Amino acid sequence: MNNNYFVNIIRFVLLILVQVLVFNRLNFFGFINPMVYILFLYWFPIKENRAAFIGLSFLLGLFIDLFSDTMAIHAASTVTIAYIRPAIMRFVFGVNIEFQSFRLSNTTRAQQFTFLALLIIVHHAVFFTLEIFSFANILLILKKVVAIGAASIILCLLFNSLFSAKKE
């Protein structure tokens, strides 16, 4: 078995457990619950099979939904960002992603931050639009996207700095 598959399975399971057991129980200021499981979609290898990636994204969201009782809103959000991830990558990294030697670790910190922030913002925009499902409450949707998005970005950056390979 390839080491890369093993690492991705461990990330998948651990991020689900951390999200469900820790972050779903947190309530900063009464409504902020950071979503760190999005890191799986950030860390997933770029040149892997796209259909498998979208399927894994669906399973990731579905498992979070099963434990959170959110009726497939996480699944819809993760599939959405899995589907548009190549467009986000082209926007952030340009044509560099077409090369065989492209690695996320070889990009600048600003590019990594922008990529992660865009994934989280799109995820949260889809998630809270589906959760609230009323454009009459657009300010509430924006408030949640900004507040929970900021908390998620901060925690994801902390996790990324703790668990990413250091550059020599």
Protein backbone atom coordinates (compact mmCIF):
# COMPACT_ATOMS: atom_id res chain seq x y z
CA MET A 1 0.00 0.00 0.00
CA ASN A 2 1.30 3.41 -0.94
CA ASN A 3 2.31 5.62 2.00
CA ASN A 4 0.33 8.51 0.51
CA TYR A 5 -2.94 6.56 0.72
CA PHE A 6 -2.25 5.63 4.34
CA VAL A 7 -1.56 9.25 5.27
CA ASN A 8 -4.78 10.39 3.57
CA ILE A 9 -6.84 7.74 5.39
CA ILE A 10 -5.36 8.82 8.74
CA ARG A 11 -6.05 12.49 7.95
CA PHE A 12 -9.61 11.66 6.88
CA VAL A 13 -10.41 9.78 10.10
CA LEU A 14 -8.60 12.16 12.47
CA LEU A 15 -10.15 15.29 10.98
CA ILE A 16 -13.63 13.77 11.29
CA LEU A 17 -12.96 12.82 14.91
CA VAL A 18 -11.47 16.21 15.81
CA GLN A 19 -14.34 18.06 14.15
CA VAL A 20 -17.08 15.95 15.72
CA LEU A 21 -15.62 15.46 19.19
CA VAL A 22 -13.99 18.86 19.73
CA PHE A 23 -14.97 21.65 17.36
CA ASN A 24 -18.67 20.85 17.04
CA ARG A 25 -18.93 21.27 20.81
CA LEU A 26 -17.22 24.68 20.87
CA ASN A 27 -19.34 27.79 20.83
CA PHE A 28 -17.27 30.98 20.77
CA PHE A 29 -19.51 34.02 21.34
CA GLY A 30 -22.55 31.77 21.19
CA PHE A 31 -22.44 30.94 17.47
CA ILE A 32 -18.88 30.37 16.22
CA ASN A 33 -18.11 26.71 15.57
CA PRO A 34 -14.88 26.44 13.54
CA MET A 35 -14.80 23.86 10.74
CA VAL A 36 -11.31 22.38 10.50
CA TYR A 37 -12.21 19.25 8.53
CA ILE A 38 -11.84 21.37 5.37
CA LEU A 39 -8.09 20.82 5.77
CA PHE A 40 -8.55 17.38 4.20
CA LEU A 41 -9.60 19.07 0.97
CA TYR A 42 -6.67 21.48 1.26
CA TRP A 43 -4.10 18.73 1.92
CA PHE A 44 -5.38 16.20 -0.61
CA PRO A 45 -2.80 15.58 -3.39
CA ILE A 46 -3.33 17.70 -6.46
CA LYS A 47 -2.66 15.14 -9.18
CA GLU A 48 -4.90 12.39 -7.77
CA ASN A 49 -8.03 11.06 -9.47
CA ARG A 50 -10.64 13.86 -9.49
CA ALA A 51 -13.65 11.53 -9.32
CA ALA A 52 -12.18 9.78 -6.28
CA PHE A 53 -11.47 13.16 -4.68
CA ILE A 54 -15.08 14.31 -5.16
CA GLY A 55 -16.31 10.96 -3.79
CA LEU A 56 -14.06 11.26 -0.73
CA SER A 57 -15.25 14.83 -0.24
CA PHE A 58 -18.83 13.61 -0.27
CA LEU A 59 -18.00 10.90 2.28
CA LEU A 60 -16.19 13.42 4.48
CA GLY A 61 -19.18 15.74 4.48
CA LEU A 62 -21.60 12.86 4.95
CA PHE A 63 -19.75 11.56 8.02
CA ILE A 64 -19.71 15.05 9.53
CA ASP A 65 -23.44 15.31 8.75
CA LEU A 66 -24.20 11.96 10.39
CA PHE A 67 -22.52 12.99 13.61
CA SER A 68 -23.77 16.59 13.53
CA ASP A 69 -27.37 15.95 12.44
CA THR A 70 -27.20 18.56 9.68
CA MET A 71 -29.04 16.76 6.84
CA ALA A 72 -26.31 16.67 4.14
CA ILE A 73 -25.41 20.36 4.27
CA HIS A 74 -21.76 19.52 4.98
CA ALA A 75 -21.79 16.98 2.14
CA ALA A 76 -23.15 19.55 -0.32
CA SER A 77 -20.59 22.12 0.79
CA THR A 78 -17.61 19.78 0.58
CA VAL A 79 -18.64 18.45 -2.84
CA THR A 80 -19.00 22.03 -4.06
CA ILE A 81 -15.50 23.04 -3.04
CA ALA A 82 -14.07 19.73 -4.27
CA TYR A 83 -15.65 20.39 -7.65
CA ILE A 84 -14.40 23.98 -7.96
CA ARG A 85 -10.99 23.36 -6.35
CA PRO A 86 -9.19 23.21 -9.75
CA ALA A 87 -10.61 26.62 -10.69
CA ILE A 88 -9.53 28.06 -7.33
CA MET A 89 -6.08 26.54 -7.80
CA ARG A 90 -5.74 28.04 -11.29
CA PHE A 91 -6.79 31.41 -9.86
CA VAL A 92 -4.28 31.28 -6.99
CA PHE A 93 -1.32 29.41 -8.52
CA GLY A 94 -1.76 30.18 -12.23
CA VAL A 95 -0.53 27.72 -14.82
CA ASN A 96 2.01 26.27 -12.38
CA ILE A 97 -0.46 23.56 -11.34
CA GLU A 98 -0.23 21.98 -14.80
CA PHE A 99 3.38 20.92 -14.24
CA GLN A 100 4.19 17.47 -12.88
CA SER A 101 6.53 18.84 -10.21
CA PHE A 102 3.93 21.19 -8.67
CA ARG A 103 3.62 20.82 -4.90
CA LEU A 104 1.64 22.94 -2.49
CA SER A 105 4.65 23.05 -0.17
CA ASN A 106 6.73 24.75 -2.90
CA THR A 107 4.39 27.75 -3.12
CA THR A 108 4.59 30.98 -1.15
CA ARG A 109 2.83 31.41 2.19
CA ALA A 110 0.60 34.09 0.65
CA GLN A 111 -0.55 31.66 -2.06
CA GLN A 112 -1.19 28.92 0.49
CA PHE A 113 -3.17 31.32 2.68
CA THR A 114 -5.21 32.58 -0.28
CA PHE A 115 -5.97 29.02 -1.42
CA LEU A 116 -7.07 27.95 2.08
CA ALA A 117 -9.08 31.13 2.64
CA LEU A 118 -10.93 30.77 -0.67
CA LEU A 119 -11.76 27.11 0.07
CA ILE A 120 -13.13 28.06 3.49
CA ILE A 121 -15.07 31.10 2.29
CA VAL A 122 -16.74 29.20 -0.56
CA HIS A 123 -17.51 26.27 1.75
CA HIS A 124 -19.04 28.53 4.39
CA ALA A 125 -21.00 30.57 1.84
CA VAL A 126 -22.60 27.39 0.47
CA PHE A 127 -23.06 25.88 3.93
CA PHE A 128 -24.77 28.87 5.56
CA THR A 129 -26.85 29.66 2.50
CA LEU A 130 -28.22 26.12 2.63
CA GLU A 131 -28.58 26.17 6.41
CA ILE A 132 -30.50 29.45 6.62
CA PHE A 133 -32.04 29.13 3.11
CA SER A 134 -33.46 32.62 3.05
CA PHE A 135 -32.04 35.60 1.24
CA ALA A 136 -34.12 37.78 3.54
CA ASN A 137 -31.47 36.90 6.15
CA ILE A 138 -28.50 37.75 3.93
CA LEU A 139 -26.86 39.77 6.71
CA LEU A 140 -27.01 36.77 9.04
CA ILE A 141 -25.47 34.59 6.32
CA LEU A 142 -22.68 37.13 5.78
CA LYS A 143 -22.11 37.49 9.54
CA LYS A 144 -21.72 33.73 9.92
CA VAL A 145 -19.52 33.38 6.83
CA VAL A 146 -17.17 36.12 8.04
CA ALA A 147 -17.05 35.19 11.76
CA ILE A 148 -16.93 31.41 11.45
CA GLY A 149 -14.74 31.70 8.35
CA ALA A 150 -12.19 33.80 10.24
CA ALA A 151 -12.15 31.33 13.14
CA SER A 152 -11.82 28.40 10.74
CA ILE A 153 -8.98 30.06 8.82
CA ILE A 154 -7.06 30.80 12.03
CA LEU A 155 -7.43 27.27 13.37
CA CYS A 156 -6.66 25.69 9.98
CA LEU A 157 -3.51 27.79 9.72
CA LEU A 158 -2.48 26.61 13.19
CA PHE A 159 -3.13 22.97 12.28
CA ASN A 160 -1.32 23.43 8.98
CA SER A 161 1.75 24.89 10.66
CA LEU A 162 1.75 22.12 13.26
CA PHE A 163 1.31 19.17 10.90
CA SER A 164 2.97 20.24 7.65
CA ALA A 165 6.43 19.17 6.61
CA LYS A 166 9.03 21.79 7.37
CA LYS A 167 11.09 23.24 4.52
CA GLU A 168 14.80 22.62 4.86
